[in-house]
Amino acid sequence: MEKRKYVISLIVVLSLSLIIFVSAGAIVTSKAREGAKQTYKGILIDYHCSKTKDPTKHLKECTTMPNCEKSGYGIDMVQPNGSYKFYKFEAKGNNLVKVFLAKTKKIDNLTVEISGVLTGTAISVSKITEDTSAVTGKMVKEFVGILGDSDCSPTLKDPSGMTTKCMSCEMCETSGYGISIKQMDGKYIYYKFDSVGHKLAKENIVTKTKSKNVPVIILKGTLKDNVISVLSIAEK
């Protein structure tokens, strides 16, 4: 009888030990998953401006300003209720952001795909790429800048000195028209028009303007991949 009780007690102890061992293993596995490398999608933004209500409207040129850069970078990820939550990057991630910003041609709505490890609200980043699966550049915006063509304008430090007569030559017209927009640092970025924008620029401005030099224009359209789909255009 005593031997039987001993055997039963031993079985209970072994069973409890097995349960504790399995539970401990489950906890370790859970922690490993939390710390595993994953992919995160959101809008690249600096911490200083991360509380903006609509990060899709946040400009790239603001992101590169000294105070914004100093505050550190991260991504705003949309939540189930439609709001955004900011996840900050560590030092390596900030350096990768600088490389990304130097290469991207987008001026706002910096949708990105991040590879890294999330811990709390901080991400250890290993890779940053543009999120091409996101619906980007579909917001109608107003653009103000200097009318130009794709042959001459991108090479000029000050495109305002180009003449309207130059834009009318066959080579310039064939290259396609666009707009040079001045940035905060004084430099210009050139954006080409789609075929509709090219036609509107030619018919409404190039052939009608009385300005000797290329005029300042104002237009409405959507930007995607450095090309503006023009809805309306006029001389300012």
C-alpha atoms as a PDB file:
ATOM      1  CA  MET A   1       0.000   0.000   0.000  1.00  0.00           C
ATOM      2  CA  GLU A   2       2.830   2.377   0.995  1.00  0.00           C
ATOM      3  CA  LYS A   3       4.681   1.523  -2.215  1.00  0.00           C
ATOM      4  CA  ARG A   4       1.566   2.338  -4.255  1.00  0.00           C
ATOM      5  CA  LYS A   5       1.200   5.759  -2.575  1.00  0.00           C
ATOM      6  CA  TYR A   6       4.866   6.465  -3.283  1.00  0.00           C
ATOM      7  CA  VAL A   7       4.414   5.621  -6.986  1.00  0.00           C
ATOM      8  CA  ILE A   8       1.326   7.860  -7.249  1.00  0.00           C
ATOM      9  CA  SER A   9       3.141  10.736  -5.523  1.00  0.00           C
ATOM     10  CA  LEU A  10       6.099  10.323  -7.875  1.00  0.00           C
ATOM     11  CA  ILE A  11       3.804  10.446 -10.917  1.00  0.00           C
ATOM     12  CA  VAL A  12       2.154  13.652  -9.642  1.00  0.00           C
ATOM     13  CA  VAL A  13       5.520  15.311  -9.052  1.00  0.00           C
ATOM     14  CA  LEU A  14       6.792  14.324 -12.507  1.00  0.00           C
ATOM     15  CA  SER A  15       3.566  15.551 -14.115  1.00  0.00           C
ATOM     16  CA  LEU A  16       3.813  18.937 -12.364  1.00  0.00           C
ATOM     17  CA  SER A  17       7.458  19.238 -13.378  1.00  0.00           C
ATOM     18  CA  LEU A  18       6.558  18.540 -16.998  1.00  0.00           C
ATOM     19  CA  ILE A  19       3.815  21.184 -16.921  1.00  0.00           C
ATOM     20  CA  ILE A  20       6.190  23.778 -15.470  1.00  0.00           C
ATOM     21  CA  PHE A  21       8.842  22.896 -18.062  1.00  0.00           C
ATOM     22  CA  VAL A  22       6.385  23.198 -20.982  1.00  0.00           C
ATOM     23  CA  SER A  23       4.983  26.475 -19.615  1.00  0.00           C
ATOM     24  CA  ALA A  24       8.455  27.911 -19.282  1.00  0.00           C
ATOM     25  CA  GLY A  25       9.194  26.911 -22.837  1.00  0.00           C
ATOM     26  CA  ALA A  26       6.005  28.610 -24.021  1.00  0.00           C
ATOM     27  CA  ILE A  27       7.045  31.842 -22.276  1.00  0.00           C
ATOM     28  CA  VAL A  28      10.475  31.771 -23.921  1.00  0.00           C
ATOM     29  CA  THR A  29       8.886  31.142 -27.337  1.00  0.00           C
ATOM     30  CA  SER A  30       6.486  34.037 -26.801  1.00  0.00           C
ATOM     31  CA  LYS A  31       9.338  36.391 -25.980  1.00  0.00           C
ATOM     32  CA  ALA A  32      11.281  35.205 -29.015  1.00  0.00           C
ATOM     33  CA  ARG A  33       8.350  36.032 -31.268  1.00  0.00           C
ATOM     34  CA  GLU A  34       8.039  39.506 -29.788  1.00  0.00           C
ATOM     35  CA  GLY A  35      11.692  40.138 -30.520  1.00  0.00           C
ATOM     36  CA  ALA A  36      11.779  38.541 -33.984  1.00  0.00           C
ATOM     37  CA  LYS A  37      12.545  40.522 -37.134  1.00  0.00           C
ATOM     38  CA  GLN A  38       9.350  41.561 -38.876  1.00  0.00           C
ATOM     39  CA  THR A  39       8.123  43.957 -41.574  1.00  0.00           C
ATOM     40  CA  TYR A  40       6.329  47.159 -40.601  1.00  0.00           C
ATOM     41  CA  LYS A  41       4.608  49.632 -42.900  1.00  0.00           C
ATOM     42  CA  GLY A  42       3.931  53.264 -42.162  1.00  0.00           C
ATOM     43  CA  ILE A  43       4.806  56.845 -42.955  1.00  0.00           C
ATOM     44  CA  LEU A  44       8.348  58.011 -42.360  1.00  0.00           C
ATOM     45  CA  ILE A  45       8.463  61.098 -40.144  1.00  0.00           C
ATOM     46  CA  ASP A  46      10.615  62.789 -37.520  1.00  0.00           C
ATOM     47  CA  TYR A  47       9.757  62.713 -33.815  1.00  0.00           C
ATOM     48  CA  HIS A  48       9.406  66.511 -33.681  1.00  0.00           C
ATOM     49  CA  CYS A  49       6.510  66.406 -36.165  1.00  0.00           C
ATOM     50  CA  SER A  50       5.145  62.961 -35.310  1.00  0.00           C
ATOM     51  CA  LYS A  51       2.021  64.297 -33.581  1.00  0.00           C
ATOM     52  CA  THR A  52       0.665  65.856 -36.758  1.00  0.00           C
ATOM     53  CA  LYS A  53      -2.888  64.693 -37.477  1.00  0.00           C
ATOM     54  CA  ASP A  54      -2.168  63.716 -41.076  1.00  0.00           C
ATOM     55  CA  PRO A  55       1.439  62.557 -41.617  1.00  0.00           C
ATOM     56  CA  THR A  56       0.735  61.931 -45.312  1.00  0.00           C
ATOM     57  CA  LYS A  57       0.915  65.711 -45.813  1.00  0.00           C
ATOM     58  CA  HIS A  58       4.234  66.070 -44.002  1.00  0.00           C
ATOM     59  CA  LEU A  59       6.901  67.369 -46.392  1.00  0.00           C
ATOM     60  CA  LYS A  60      10.237  65.711 -47.028  1.00  0.00           C
ATOM     61  CA  GLU A  61      11.987  69.085 -46.845  1.00  0.00           C
ATOM     62  CA  CYS A  62      10.651  69.569 -43.304  1.00  0.00           C
ATOM     63  CA  THR A  63      11.887  66.112 -42.320  1.00  0.00           C
ATOM     64  CA  THR A  64      15.419  67.089 -43.303  1.00  0.00           C
ATOM     65  CA  MET A  65      15.463  70.352 -41.316  1.00  0.00           C
ATOM     66  CA  PRO A  66      18.111  70.434 -38.507  1.00  0.00           C
ATOM     67  CA  ASN A  67      15.638  70.427 -35.587  1.00  0.00           C
ATOM     68  CA  CYS A  68      13.597  67.604 -37.122  1.00  0.00           C
ATOM     69  CA  GLU A  69      16.660  65.506 -37.923  1.00  0.00           C
ATOM     70  CA  LYS A  70      18.037  66.067 -34.413  1.00  0.00           C
ATOM     71  CA  SER A  71      14.792  64.812 -32.825  1.00  0.00           C
ATOM     72  CA  GLY A  72      15.234  61.396 -34.477  1.00  0.00           C
ATOM     73  CA  TYR A  73      13.171  59.485 -37.034  1.00  0.00           C
ATOM     74  CA  GLY A  74      10.515  56.792 -36.935  1.00  0.00           C
ATOM     75  CA  ILE A  75       7.248  55.756 -38.572  1.00  0.00           C
ATOM     76  CA  ASP A  76       3.633  56.630 -37.943  1.00  0.00           C
ATOM     77  CA  MET A  77       1.591  53.431 -38.230  1.00  0.00           C
ATOM     78  CA  VAL A  78      -2.154  53.660 -38.671  1.00  0.00           C
ATOM     79  CA  GLN A  79      -4.255  52.158 -35.870  1.00  0.00           C
ATOM     80  CA  PRO A  80      -7.658  50.382 -36.076  1.00  0.00           C
ATOM     81  CA  ASN A  81      -9.466  53.624 -35.127  1.00  0.00           C
ATOM     82  CA  GLY A  82      -7.778  55.530 -37.951  1.00  0.00           C
ATOM     83  CA  SER A  83      -5.324  57.419 -35.751  1.00  0.00           C
ATOM     84  CA  TYR A  84      -1.535  57.129 -36.025  1.00  0.00           C
ATOM     85  CA  LYS A  85       0.976  55.825 -33.484  1.00  0.00           C
ATOM     86  CA  PHE A  86       4.654  56.755 -33.643  1.00  0.00           C
ATOM     87  CA  TYR A  87       7.421  54.144 -33.365  1.00  0.00           C
ATOM     88  CA  LYS A  88      10.897  55.599 -32.994  1.00  0.00           C
ATOM     89  CA  PHE A  89      14.094  54.249 -34.628  1.00  0.00           C
ATOM     90  CA  GLU A  90      17.432  53.677 -32.914  1.00  0.00           C
ATOM     91  CA  ALA A  91      20.738  55.171 -34.133  1.00  0.00           C
ATOM     92  CA  LYS A  92      21.255  52.776 -37.059  1.00  0.00           C
ATOM     93  CA  GLY A  93      17.700  53.381 -38.238  1.00  0.00           C
ATOM     94  CA  ASN A  94      18.262  57.148 -38.204  1.00  0.00           C
ATOM     95  CA  ASN A  95      21.336  56.737 -40.408  1.00  0.00           C
ATOM     96  CA  LEU A  96      19.397  54.540 -42.845  1.00  0.00           C
ATOM     97  CA  VAL A  97      16.672  57.206 -43.005  1.00  0.00           C
ATOM     98  CA  LYS A  98      19.208  59.828 -44.109  1.00  0.00           C
ATOM     99  CA  VAL A  99      20.292  57.580 -46.981  1.00  0.00           C
ATOM    100  CA  PHE A 100      16.643  56.938 -47.928  1.00  0.00           C
ATOM    101  CA  LEU A 101      15.743  60.647 -47.883  1.00  0.00           C
ATOM    102  CA  ALA A 102      18.709  61.468 -50.103  1.00  0.00           C
ATOM    103  CA  LYS A 103      17.497  58.999 -52.737  1.00  0.00           C
ATOM    104  CA  THR A 104      13.694  59.284 -52.712  1.00  0.00           C
ATOM    105  CA  LYS A 105      12.085  61.616 -55.239  1.00  0.00           C
ATOM    106  CA  LYS A 106       8.867  61.979 -53.253  1.00  0.00           C
ATOM    107  CA  ILE A 107       8.170  65.329 -51.619  1.00  0.00           C
ATOM    108  CA  ASP A 108       5.607  64.102 -49.083  1.00  0.00           C
ATOM    109  CA  ASN A 109       3.614  61.020 -47.997  1.00  0.00           C
ATOM    110  CA  LEU A 110       6.827  59.080 -47.360  1.00  0.00           C
ATOM    111  CA  THR A 111       5.328  55.591 -47.201  1.00  0.00           C
ATOM    112  CA  VAL A 112       7.976  53.039 -46.221  1.00  0.00           C
ATOM    113  CA  GLU A 113       8.458  49.366 -45.445  1.00  0.00           C
ATOM    114  CA  ILE A 114      10.704  48.682 -42.462  1.00  0.00           C
ATOM    115  CA  SER A 115      12.508  45.450 -41.613  1.00  0.00           C
ATOM    116  CA  GLY A 116      13.468  45.279 -37.962  1.00  0.00           C
ATOM    117  CA  VAL A 117      12.786  44.247 -34.402  1.00  0.00           C
ATOM    118  CA  LEU A 118      10.076  45.954 -32.376  1.00  0.00           C
ATOM    119  CA  THR A 119      10.543  46.398 -28.632  1.00  0.00           C
ATOM    120  CA  GLY A 120       7.779  48.389 -26.989  1.00  0.00           C
ATOM    121  CA  THR A 121       7.490  51.494 -29.179  1.00  0.00           C
ATOM    122  CA  ALA A 122      11.041  51.402 -30.571  1.00  0.00           C
ATOM    123  CA  ILE A 123      12.249  49.629 -33.708  1.00  0.00           C
ATOM    124  CA  SER A 124      15.795  48.385 -34.328  1.00  0.00           C
ATOM    125  CA  VAL A 125      15.920  48.870 -38.099  1.00  0.00           C
ATOM    126  CA  SER A 126      17.902  46.728 -40.524  1.00  0.00           C
ATOM    127  CA  LYS A 127      16.389  47.907 -43.819  1.00  0.00           C
ATOM    128  CA  ILE A 128      14.221  50.740 -45.190  1.00  0.00           C
ATOM    129  CA  THR A 129      12.529  50.673 -48.602  1.00  0.00           C
ATOM    130  CA  GLU A 130       9.759  52.672 -50.215  1.00  0.00           C
ATOM    131  CA  ASP A 131       6.367  51.028 -49.822  1.00  0.00           C
ATOM    132  CA  THR A 132       5.215  50.798 -53.426  1.00  0.00           C
ATOM    133  CA  SER A 133       2.130  48.803 -52.442  1.00  0.00           C
ATOM    134  CA  ALA A 134       0.668  51.843 -50.696  1.00  0.00           C
ATOM    135  CA  VAL A 135      -1.781  54.089 -52.491  1.00  0.00           C
ATOM    136  CA  THR A 136       0.408  57.142 -52.952  1.00  0.00           C
ATOM    137  CA  GLY A 137       0.301  60.358 -54.861  1.00  0.00           C
ATOM    138  CA  LYS A 138      -3.493  60.325 -55.227  1.00  0.00           C
ATOM    139  CA  MET A 139      -4.144  63.458 -53.214  1.00  0.00           C
ATOM    140  CA  VAL A 140      -4.892  66.517 -55.357  1.00  0.00           C
ATOM    141  CA  LYS A 141      -2.515  69.316 -54.412  1.00  0.00           C
ATOM    142  CA  GLU A 142      -1.555  72.772 -55.524  1.00  0.00           C
ATOM    143  CA  PHE A 143       1.946  73.343 -56.917  1.00  0.00           C
ATOM    144  CA  VAL A 144       3.651  76.678 -57.527  1.00  0.00           C
ATOM    145  CA  GLY A 145       6.905  76.972 -59.453  1.00  0.00           C
ATOM    146  CA  ILE A 146       8.643  77.847 -62.697  1.00  0.00           C
ATOM    147  CA  LEU A 147       7.484  76.342 -65.980  1.00  0.00           C
ATOM    148  CA  GLY A 148      10.222  74.411 -67.767  1.00  0.00           C
ATOM    149  CA  ASP A 149      11.094  71.493 -70.006  1.00  0.00           C
ATOM    150  CA  SER A 150      12.720  68.142 -69.232  1.00  0.00           C
ATOM    151  CA  ASP A 151      15.780  68.838 -71.386  1.00  0.00           C
ATOM    152  CA  CYS A 152      16.968  72.136 -69.861  1.00  0.00           C
ATOM    153  CA  SER A 153      15.298  72.740 -66.493  1.00  0.00           C
ATOM    154  CA  PRO A 154      16.808  69.840 -64.468  1.00  0.00           C
ATOM    155  CA  THR A 155      20.335  71.051 -65.320  1.00  0.00           C
ATOM    156  CA  LEU A 156      19.843  74.707 -64.332  1.00  0.00           C
ATOM    157  CA  LYS A 157      20.647  76.099 -60.888  1.00  0.00           C
ATOM    158  CA  ASP A 158      18.198  78.946 -61.528  1.00  0.00           C
ATOM    159  CA  PRO A 159      15.579  77.911 -64.113  1.00  0.00           C
ATOM    160  CA  SER A 160      13.925  81.346 -63.953  1.00  0.00           C
ATOM    161  CA  GLY A 161      16.550  82.647 -66.391  1.00  0.00           C
ATOM    162  CA  MET A 162      15.401  80.360 -69.198  1.00  0.00           C
ATOM    163  CA  THR A 163      13.481  82.051 -72.021  1.00  0.00           C
ATOM    164  CA  THR A 164      10.038  81.146 -73.264  1.00  0.00           C
ATOM    165  CA  LYS A 165      11.451  81.059 -76.806  1.00  0.00           C
ATOM    166  CA  CYS A 166      13.822  78.269 -75.753  1.00  0.00           C
ATOM    167  CA  MET A 167      10.868  76.186 -74.530  1.00  0.00           C
ATOM    168  CA  SER A 168       9.240  76.503 -77.933  1.00  0.00           C
ATOM    169  CA  CYS A 169      12.146  74.871 -79.790  1.00  0.00           C
ATOM    170  CA  GLU A 170      11.576  71.325 -81.030  1.00  0.00           C
ATOM    171  CA  MET A 171      14.086  69.614 -78.717  1.00  0.00           C
ATOM    172  CA  CYS A 172      12.695  71.228 -75.550  1.00  0.00           C
ATOM    173  CA  GLU A 173       9.083  70.637 -76.519  1.00  0.00           C
ATOM    174  CA  THR A 174       9.764  67.000 -77.402  1.00  0.00           C
ATOM    175  CA  SER A 175      11.413  66.387 -74.004  1.00  0.00           C
ATOM    176  CA  GLY A 176       8.162  67.324 -72.266  1.00  0.00           C
ATOM    177  CA  TYR A 177       7.155  70.193 -70.010  1.00  0.00           C
ATOM    178  CA  GLY A 178       7.199  70.331 -66.235  1.00  0.00           C
ATOM    179  CA  ILE A 179       7.690  72.545 -63.205  1.00  0.00           C
ATOM    180  CA  SER A 180      10.741  73.523 -61.128  1.00  0.00           C
ATOM    181  CA  ILE A 181       9.835  74.006 -57.457  1.00  0.00           C
ATOM    182  CA  LYS A 182      12.141  75.899 -55.118  1.00  0.00           C
ATOM    183  CA  GLN A 183      13.035  74.153 -51.849  1.00  0.00           C
ATOM    184  CA  MET A 184      13.869  75.621 -48.450  1.00  0.00           C
ATOM    185  CA  ASP A 185      17.599  75.303 -49.144  1.00  0.00           C
ATOM    186  CA  GLY A 186      17.240  77.450 -52.272  1.00  0.00           C
ATOM    187  CA  LYS A 187      17.685  74.565 -54.716  1.00  0.00           C
ATOM    188  CA  TYR A 188      15.107  73.507 -57.290  1.00  0.00           C
ATOM    189  CA  ILE A 189      13.528  70.110 -57.898  1.00  0.00           C
ATOM    190  CA  TYR A 190      12.056  69.439 -61.327  1.00  0.00           C
ATOM    191  CA  TYR A 191       8.820  67.462 -61.776  1.00  0.00           C
ATOM    192  CA  LYS A 192       7.686  66.364 -65.215  1.00  0.00           C
ATOM    193  CA  PHE A 193       4.059  66.652 -66.383  1.00  0.00           C
ATOM    194  CA  ASP A 194       1.993  63.797 -67.740  1.00  0.00           C
ATOM    195  CA  SER A 195       0.797  64.024 -71.353  1.00  0.00           C
ATOM    196  CA  VAL A 196      -2.299  65.997 -70.340  1.00  0.00           C
ATOM    197  CA  GLY A 197      -0.208  68.483 -68.367  1.00  0.00           C
ATOM    198  CA  HIS A 198       2.190  68.888 -71.295  1.00  0.00           C
ATOM    199  CA  LYS A 199      -0.686  69.698 -73.628  1.00  0.00           C
ATOM    200  CA  LEU A 200      -2.259  72.163 -71.176  1.00  0.00           C
ATOM    201  CA  ALA A 201       1.085  73.898 -70.618  1.00  0.00           C
ATOM    202  CA  LYS A 202       1.668  74.257 -74.354  1.00  0.00           C
ATOM    203  CA  GLU A 203      -1.841  75.466 -75.226  1.00  0.00           C
ATOM    204  CA  ASN A 204      -2.514  77.696 -72.214  1.00  0.00           C
ATOM    205  CA  ILE A 205       0.908  79.137 -71.410  1.00  0.00           C
ATOM    206  CA  VAL A 206       3.797  78.513 -73.824  1.00  0.00           C
ATOM    207  CA  THR A 207       1.918  79.768 -76.896  1.00  0.00           C
ATOM    208  CA  LYS A 208       0.079  82.584 -75.092  1.00  0.00           C
ATOM    209  CA  THR A 209       2.382  84.079 -72.446  1.00  0.00           C
ATOM    210  CA  LYS A 210       3.796  87.568 -72.995  1.00  0.00           C
ATOM    211  CA  SER A 211       6.647  86.906 -70.590  1.00  0.00           C
ATOM    212  CA  LYS A 212      10.142  86.871 -72.123  1.00  0.00           C
ATOM    213  CA  ASN A 213      11.423  84.422 -69.509  1.00  0.00           C
ATOM    214  CA  VAL A 214       9.597  81.271 -68.450  1.00  0.00           C
ATOM    215  CA  PRO A 215       6.711  82.293 -66.188  1.00  0.00           C
ATOM    216  CA  VAL A 216       5.808  81.269 -62.668  1.00  0.00           C
ATOM    217  CA  ILE A 217       2.827  78.934 -62.811  1.00  0.00           C
ATOM    218  CA  ILE A 218       0.250  77.516 -60.440  1.00  0.00           C
ATOM    219  CA  LEU A 219      -1.323  74.135 -61.043  1.00  0.00           C
ATOM    220  CA  LYS A 220      -3.405  71.434 -59.420  1.00  0.00           C
ATOM    221  CA  GLY A 221      -2.690  67.755 -59.778  1.00  0.00           C
ATOM    222  CA  THR A 222      -1.429  64.553 -58.201  1.00  0.00           C
ATOM    223  CA  LEU A 223       2.201  63.546 -57.785  1.00  0.00           C
ATOM    224  CA  LYS A 224       3.567  60.034 -58.211  1.00  0.00           C
ATOM    225  CA  ASP A 225       7.111  58.875 -59.022  1.00  0.00           C
ATOM    226  CA  ASN A 226       8.289  62.427 -59.803  1.00  0.00           C
ATOM    227  CA  VAL A 227       5.519  62.941 -62.394  1.00  0.00           C
ATOM    228  CA  ILE A 228       2.561  65.294 -61.889  1.00  0.00           C
ATOM    229  CA  SER A 229      -0.781  64.352 -63.400  1.00  0.00           C
ATOM    230  CA  VAL A 230      -2.095  67.843 -64.121  1.00  0.00           C
ATOM    231  CA  LEU A 231      -5.752  68.774 -63.680  1.00  0.00           C
ATOM    232  CA  SER A 232      -5.441  72.533 -64.238  1.00  0.00           C
ATOM    233  CA  ILE A 233      -2.644  74.988 -64.953  1.00  0.00           C
ATOM    234  CA  ALA A 234      -2.366  78.775 -65.171  1.00  0.00           C
ATOM    235  CA  GLU A 235       0.213  81.535 -65.252  1.00  0.00           C
ATOM    236  CA  LYS A 236       0.511  83.141 -61.829  1.00  0.00           C
END
